[in-house]
């Protein structure tokens, strides 16, 4: 295991760091999914595909 992985693993042991890390990761995941949805809207994807993307985002948010 390299130094960065060891340091990161050590940091994850800290509750405050782990909470902040997971919170930011969730935010970035949601931002990415929303950008994908915007692209789909701009390219006029089928309504069913848009609804599927929205449902996916909704499920992710509810599970987070």
N, C-alpha and C. Protein backbone atom coordinates (compact mmCIF):
# COMPACT_ATOMS: atom_id res chain seq x y z
N UNK A 1 0.85 -1.18 0.00
CA UNK A 1 0.00 0.00 0.00
C UNK A 1 0.90 1.24 0.00
N UNK A 2 0.58 2.19 -0.87
CA UNK A 2 1.43 3.37 -0.92
C UNK A 2 1.10 4.36 0.20
N UNK A 3 1.90 5.39 0.32
CA UNK A 3 1.79 6.35 1.41
C UNK A 3 0.45 7.07 1.40
N UNK A 4 -0.02 7.47 0.22
CA UNK A 4 -1.29 8.19 0.12
C UNK A 4 -2.46 7.32 0.59
N UNK A 5 -2.45 6.06 0.21
CA UNK A 5 -3.53 5.16 0.63
C UNK A 5 -3.51 4.96 2.15
N UNK A 6 -2.31 4.82 2.72
CA UNK A 6 -2.18 4.66 4.17
C UNK A 6 -2.70 5.90 4.89
N UNK A 7 -2.32 7.08 4.38
CA UNK A 7 -2.76 8.34 5.00
C UNK A 7 -4.28 8.47 4.91
N UNK A 8 -4.83 8.16 3.75
CA UNK A 8 -6.27 8.27 3.55
C UNK A 8 -7.01 7.31 4.48
N UNK A 9 -6.52 6.10 4.60
CA UNK A 9 -7.13 5.10 5.48
C UNK A 9 -7.08 5.58 6.93
N UNK A 10 -5.97 6.19 7.30
CA UNK A 10 -5.83 6.72 8.67
C UNK A 10 -6.84 7.86 8.89
N UNK A 11 -6.98 8.72 7.89
CA UNK A 11 -7.92 9.84 8.01
C UNK A 11 -9.36 9.35 8.13
N UNK A 12 -9.70 8.29 7.43
CA UNK A 12 -11.06 7.75 7.48
C UNK A 12 -11.42 7.22 8.86
N UNK A 13 -10.43 6.95 9.67
CA UNK A 13 -10.69 6.49 11.03
C UNK A 13 -11.27 7.61 11.90
N UNK A 14 -11.03 8.86 11.49
CA UNK A 14 -11.57 10.01 12.22
C UNK A 14 -13.02 10.24 11.78
N UNK A 15 -13.94 10.22 12.73
CA UNK A 15 -15.37 10.35 12.42
C UNK A 15 -15.70 11.64 11.68
N UNK A 16 -15.12 12.75 12.12
CA UNK A 16 -15.41 14.04 11.49
C UNK A 16 -14.93 14.05 10.03
N UNK A 17 -13.74 13.55 9.80
CA UNK A 17 -13.21 13.49 8.43
C UNK A 17 -14.08 12.58 7.57
N UNK A 18 -14.41 11.40 8.08
CA UNK A 18 -15.21 10.45 7.32
C UNK A 18 -16.56 11.05 6.95
N UNK A 19 -17.20 11.73 7.90
CA UNK A 19 -18.49 12.36 7.64
C UNK A 19 -18.36 13.43 6.55
N UNK A 20 -17.36 14.28 6.66
CA UNK A 20 -17.15 15.34 5.67
C UNK A 20 -16.82 14.77 4.29
N UNK A 21 -16.00 13.74 4.27
CA UNK A 21 -15.62 13.10 3.01
C UNK A 21 -16.84 12.51 2.31
N UNK A 22 -17.64 11.77 3.07
CA UNK A 22 -18.82 11.13 2.49
C UNK A 22 -19.84 12.18 2.02
N UNK A 23 -19.98 13.24 2.79
CA UNK A 23 -20.90 14.31 2.41
C UNK A 23 -20.49 14.95 1.08
N UNK A 24 -19.22 15.24 0.94
CA UNK A 24 -18.72 15.84 -0.31
C UNK A 24 -18.83 14.87 -1.47
N UNK A 25 -18.57 13.61 -1.21
CA UNK A 25 -18.67 12.60 -2.26
C UNK A 25 -20.11 12.50 -2.77
N UNK A 26 -21.06 12.54 -1.86
CA UNK A 26 -22.48 12.49 -2.24
C UNK A 26 -22.85 13.71 -3.05
N UNK A 27 -22.39 14.89 -2.62
CA UNK A 27 -22.67 16.12 -3.36
C UNK A 27 -22.14 16.03 -4.79
N UNK A 28 -20.91 15.56 -4.93
CA UNK A 28 -20.32 15.44 -6.26
C UNK A 28 -21.05 14.43 -7.12
N UNK A 29 -21.46 13.32 -6.52
CA UNK A 29 -22.23 12.31 -7.27
C UNK A 29 -23.55 12.89 -7.78
N UNK A 30 -24.24 13.63 -6.92
CA UNK A 30 -25.51 14.23 -7.31
C UNK A 30 -25.29 15.29 -8.39
N UNK A 31 -24.27 16.12 -8.23
CA UNK A 31 -23.96 17.13 -9.26
C UNK A 31 -23.70 16.47 -10.61
N UNK A 32 -22.96 15.37 -10.61
CA UNK A 32 -22.66 14.66 -11.85
C UNK A 32 -23.95 14.13 -12.48
N UNK A 33 -24.80 13.51 -11.66
CA UNK A 33 -26.05 12.97 -12.18
C UNK A 33 -26.95 14.08 -12.73
N UNK A 34 -26.96 15.23 -12.08
CA UNK A 34 -27.76 16.35 -12.57
C UNK A 34 -27.22 16.89 -13.89
N UNK A 35 -25.91 16.93 -14.03
CA UNK A 35 -25.31 17.36 -15.30
C UNK A 35 -25.68 16.40 -16.42
N UNK A 36 -25.69 15.11 -16.12
CA UNK A 36 -26.09 14.11 -17.11
C UNK A 36 -27.56 14.31 -17.50
N UNK A 37 -28.38 14.64 -16.54
CA UNK A 37 -29.79 14.90 -16.81
C UNK A 37 -29.95 16.14 -17.70
N UNK A 38 -29.19 17.18 -17.40
CA UNK A 38 -29.24 18.40 -18.23
C UNK A 38 -28.86 18.09 -19.67
N UNK A 39 -27.80 17.30 -19.84
CA UNK A 39 -27.38 16.92 -21.19
C UNK A 39 -28.49 16.17 -21.91
N UNK A 40 -29.15 15.28 -21.20
CA UNK A 40 -30.23 14.50 -21.79
C UNK A 40 -31.38 15.41 -22.21
N UNK A 41 -31.68 16.41 -21.39
CA UNK A 41 -32.75 17.35 -21.72
C UNK A 41 -32.35 18.18 -22.94
N UNK A 42 -31.11 18.66 -22.95
CA UNK A 42 -30.64 19.48 -24.08
C UNK A 42 -30.66 18.72 -25.40
N UNK A 43 -30.37 17.43 -25.34
CA UNK A 43 -30.34 16.64 -26.57
C UNK A 43 -31.70 16.01 -26.88
N UNK A 44 -32.71 16.45 -26.11
CA UNK A 44 -34.10 16.04 -26.34
C UNK A 44 -34.29 14.53 -26.34
N UNK A 45 -33.77 13.92 -25.30
CA UNK A 45 -33.96 12.48 -25.13
C UNK A 45 -35.44 12.19 -24.88
N UNK A 46 -35.81 10.94 -25.06
CA UNK A 46 -37.20 10.54 -24.84
C UNK A 46 -37.61 10.78 -23.39
N UNK A 47 -38.89 11.08 -23.22
CA UNK A 47 -39.42 11.35 -21.88
C UNK A 47 -39.16 10.19 -20.94
N UNK A 48 -39.31 8.98 -21.42
CA UNK A 48 -39.10 7.80 -20.58
C UNK A 48 -37.66 7.74 -20.06
N UNK A 49 -36.72 8.12 -20.92
CA UNK A 49 -35.31 8.12 -20.51
C UNK A 49 -35.05 9.20 -19.46
N UNK A 50 -35.67 10.36 -19.63
CA UNK A 50 -35.51 11.45 -18.66
C UNK A 50 -36.10 11.05 -17.31
N UNK A 51 -37.26 10.45 -17.35
CA UNK A 51 -37.90 10.00 -16.10
C UNK A 51 -37.04 8.95 -15.41
N UNK A 52 -36.44 8.08 -16.18
CA UNK A 52 -35.56 7.05 -15.62
C UNK A 52 -34.36 7.70 -14.91
N UNK A 53 -33.79 8.74 -15.53
CA UNK A 53 -32.67 9.45 -14.91
C UNK A 53 -33.11 10.15 -13.63
N UNK A 54 -34.28 10.76 -13.67
CA UNK A 54 -34.81 11.45 -12.48
C UNK A 54 -35.06 10.44 -11.36
N UNK A 55 -35.64 9.30 -11.70
CA UNK A 55 -35.88 8.25 -10.70
C UNK A 55 -34.57 7.77 -10.08
N UNK A 56 -33.55 7.65 -10.92
CA UNK A 56 -32.24 7.21 -10.43
C UNK A 56 -31.67 8.21 -9.42
N UNK A 57 -31.79 9.50 -9.73
CA UNK A 57 -31.30 10.54 -8.82
C UNK A 57 -32.11 10.49 -7.52
N UNK A 58 -33.40 10.35 -7.65
CA UNK A 58 -34.27 10.29 -6.47
C UNK A 58 -33.90 9.12 -5.57
N UNK A 59 -33.68 7.96 -6.16
CA UNK A 59 -33.29 6.78 -5.38
C UNK A 59 -31.96 7.01 -4.67
N UNK A 60 -31.02 7.63 -5.38
CA UNK A 60 -29.71 7.90 -4.79
C UNK A 60 -29.84 8.84 -3.58
N UNK A 61 -30.64 9.88 -3.74
CA UNK A 61 -30.82 10.85 -2.65
C UNK A 61 -31.49 10.19 -1.45
N UNK A 62 -32.48 9.36 -1.72
CA UNK A 62 -33.20 8.70 -0.62
C UNK A 62 -32.30 7.70 0.11
N UNK A 63 -31.34 7.11 -0.57
CA UNK A 63 -30.47 6.13 0.06
C UNK A 63 -29.29 6.78 0.78
N UNK A 64 -29.03 8.03 0.48
CA UNK A 64 -27.87 8.72 1.09
C UNK A 64 -28.17 9.21 2.48
